[in-house]
Amino acid sequence: MSKSKNDIAWEKIFDKYKIIDNVLNNGHSIISSTNINEFREARLMTKFDHKSQLPKLFADNSLSILPTSRGGYVIGKFETFSNFNPLCS
């Protein structure tokens, strides 16, 4: 399967900003939308409505991304998606 534009951009971001190292050493990594925009538009890179939409680097390393402010994000090993049982009739 070919890589998505998001996957390619995230690989470059993870490499340039040492995201994995920061998460391992600090428990998280902070990144700005300005930094993300260097590679691809942040609004396209950070919106994941379903776990299956996470970029490969996030899924492979059990990482998630959440906004911290209008232009900031935190990447870390925290759960942002939850499975829940449908209501019984």
C-alpha atoms as a PDB file:
ATOM      1  CA  MET A   1       0.000   0.000   0.000  1.00  0.00           C
ATOM      2  CA  SER A   2       1.355   3.442  -0.844  1.00  0.00           C
ATOM      3  CA  LYS A   3       1.909   6.088   1.814  1.00  0.00           C
ATOM      4  CA  SER A   4      -0.510   8.958   2.162  1.00  0.00           C
ATOM      5  CA  LYS A   5       0.568  12.585   1.926  1.00  0.00           C
ATOM      6  CA  ASN A   6       0.041  12.812   5.686  1.00  0.00           C
ATOM      7  CA  ASP A   7       2.250   9.766   6.326  1.00  0.00           C
ATOM      8  CA  ILE A   8       5.057  11.224   4.217  1.00  0.00           C
ATOM      9  CA  ALA A   9       4.823  14.623   5.892  1.00  0.00           C
ATOM     10  CA  TRP A  10       4.681  13.121   9.397  1.00  0.00           C
ATOM     11  CA  GLU A  11       7.801  11.036   8.689  1.00  0.00           C
ATOM     12  CA  LYS A  12       9.655  14.252   7.843  1.00  0.00           C
ATOM     13  CA  ILE A  13       8.292  16.027  10.915  1.00  0.00           C
ATOM     14  CA  PHE A  14       9.154  13.130  13.249  1.00  0.00           C
ATOM     15  CA  ASP A  15      12.679  13.104  11.837  1.00  0.00           C
ATOM     16  CA  LYS A  16      13.291  16.864  11.942  1.00  0.00           C
ATOM     17  CA  TYR A  17      11.802  17.456  15.396  1.00  0.00           C
ATOM     18  CA  LYS A  18      12.891  14.137  16.988  1.00  0.00           C
ATOM     19  CA  ILE A  19       9.337  13.386  18.091  1.00  0.00           C
ATOM     20  CA  ILE A  20       9.992   9.790  19.197  1.00  0.00           C
ATOM     21  CA  ASP A  21      13.056  10.820  21.237  1.00  0.00           C
ATOM     22  CA  ASN A  22      11.088  13.618  22.912  1.00  0.00           C
ATOM     23  CA  VAL A  23       8.223  11.271  23.797  1.00  0.00           C
ATOM     24  CA  LEU A  24      10.633   8.667  25.193  1.00  0.00           C
ATOM     25  CA  ASN A  25      12.604  11.240  27.222  1.00  0.00           C
ATOM     26  CA  ASN A  26       9.808  13.608  28.294  1.00  0.00           C
ATOM     27  CA  GLY A  27       6.622  11.576  27.954  1.00  0.00           C
ATOM     28  CA  HIS A  28       5.375  13.903  25.218  1.00  0.00           C
ATOM     29  CA  SER A  29       6.474  16.218  22.439  1.00  0.00           C
ATOM     30  CA  ILE A  30       5.163  19.714  21.806  1.00  0.00           C
ATOM     31  CA  ILE A  31       4.859  20.980  18.239  1.00  0.00           C
ATOM     32  CA  SER A  32       3.359  24.119  16.749  1.00  0.00           C
ATOM     33  CA  SER A  33       1.109  24.428  13.749  1.00  0.00           C
ATOM     34  CA  THR A  34       3.838  26.607  12.219  1.00  0.00           C
ATOM     35  CA  ASN A  35       6.255  23.666  12.415  1.00  0.00           C
ATOM     36  CA  ILE A  36       3.689  21.304  10.904  1.00  0.00           C
ATOM     37  CA  ASN A  37       2.870  23.815   8.167  1.00  0.00           C
ATOM     38  CA  GLU A  38       6.481  23.583   6.940  1.00  0.00           C
ATOM     39  CA  PHE A  39       5.530  20.197   5.493  1.00  0.00           C
ATOM     40  CA  ARG A  40       1.760  20.247   5.005  1.00  0.00           C
ATOM     41  CA  GLU A  41      -1.192  22.244   6.241  1.00  0.00           C
ATOM     42  CA  ALA A  42      -1.652  21.580   9.976  1.00  0.00           C
ATOM     43  CA  ARG A  43      -5.440  21.422   9.803  1.00  0.00           C
ATOM     44  CA  LEU A  44      -5.138  18.490   7.368  1.00  0.00           C
ATOM     45  CA  MET A  45      -2.393  16.820   9.403  1.00  0.00           C
ATOM     46  CA  THR A  46      -4.004  16.841  12.844  1.00  0.00           C
ATOM     47  CA  LYS A  47      -7.665  15.933  12.395  1.00  0.00           C
ATOM     48  CA  PHE A  48      -8.401  12.254  12.915  1.00  0.00           C
ATOM     49  CA  ASP A  49     -12.029  11.315  13.496  1.00  0.00           C
ATOM     50  CA  HIS A  50     -11.312   7.586  13.722  1.00  0.00           C
ATOM     51  CA  LYS A  51      -8.399   5.554  15.036  1.00  0.00           C
ATOM     52  CA  SER A  52      -8.012   4.016  11.572  1.00  0.00           C
ATOM     53  CA  GLN A  53      -7.145   7.476  10.213  1.00  0.00           C
ATOM     54  CA  LEU A  54      -4.030   7.876  12.365  1.00  0.00           C
ATOM     55  CA  PRO A  55      -0.803   8.146  10.368  1.00  0.00           C
ATOM     56  CA  LYS A  56       1.328   4.992  10.379  1.00  0.00           C
ATOM     57  CA  LEU A  57       3.981   6.505  12.682  1.00  0.00           C
ATOM     58  CA  PHE A  58       1.314   7.313  15.266  1.00  0.00           C
ATOM     59  CA  ALA A  59      -0.319   3.876  15.052  1.00  0.00           C
ATOM     60  CA  ASP A  60       3.002   1.971  15.089  1.00  0.00           C
ATOM     61  CA  ASN A  61       4.227   3.861  18.170  1.00  0.00           C
ATOM     62  CA  SER A  62       0.882   4.064  20.048  1.00  0.00           C
ATOM     63  CA  LEU A  63       0.900   7.860  19.796  1.00  0.00           C
ATOM     64  CA  SER A  64      -1.873  10.413  19.629  1.00  0.00           C
ATOM     65  CA  ILE A  65      -2.005  14.151  19.027  1.00  0.00           C
ATOM     66  CA  LEU A  66      -4.167  16.711  20.817  1.00  0.00           C
ATOM     67  CA  PRO A  67      -4.429  20.486  20.541  1.00  0.00           C
ATOM     68  CA  THR A  68      -3.071  22.498  23.476  1.00  0.00           C
ATOM     69  CA  SER A  69      -3.930  25.920  22.088  1.00  0.00           C
ATOM     70  CA  ARG A  70      -5.004  27.533  18.841  1.00  0.00           C
ATOM     71  CA  GLY A  71      -1.574  26.896  17.325  1.00  0.00           C
ATOM     72  CA  GLY A  72      -0.042  24.184  19.496  1.00  0.00           C
ATOM     73  CA  TYR A  73      -0.211  20.414  19.814  1.00  0.00           C
ATOM     74  CA  VAL A  74       1.056  17.705  22.127  1.00  0.00           C
ATOM     75  CA  ILE A  75       2.029  14.242  20.869  1.00  0.00           C
ATOM     76  CA  GLY A  76       2.241  11.417  23.383  1.00  0.00           C
ATOM     77  CA  LYS A  77       1.206   7.953  24.432  1.00  0.00           C
ATOM     78  CA  PHE A  78      -2.328   8.700  25.510  1.00  0.00           C
ATOM     79  CA  GLU A  79      -5.656   7.275  24.420  1.00  0.00           C
ATOM     80  CA  THR A  80      -7.812   9.616  22.354  1.00  0.00           C
ATOM     81  CA  PHE A  81     -10.263   7.058  20.988  1.00  0.00           C
ATOM     82  CA  SER A  82     -12.602   4.872  22.952  1.00  0.00           C
ATOM     83  CA  ASN A  83     -14.687   1.850  22.064  1.00  0.00           C
ATOM     84  CA  PHE A  84     -18.112   1.759  23.606  1.00  0.00           C
ATOM     85  CA  ASN A  85     -20.955  -0.691  23.509  1.00  0.00           C
ATOM     86  CA  PRO A  86     -24.097   0.210  21.589  1.00  0.00           C
ATOM     87  CA  LEU A  87     -27.166   0.745  23.710  1.00  0.00           C
ATOM     88  CA  CYS A  88     -29.225  -2.382  24.258  1.00  0.00           C
ATOM     89  CA  SER A  89     -32.950  -2.200  23.506  1.00  0.00           C
END
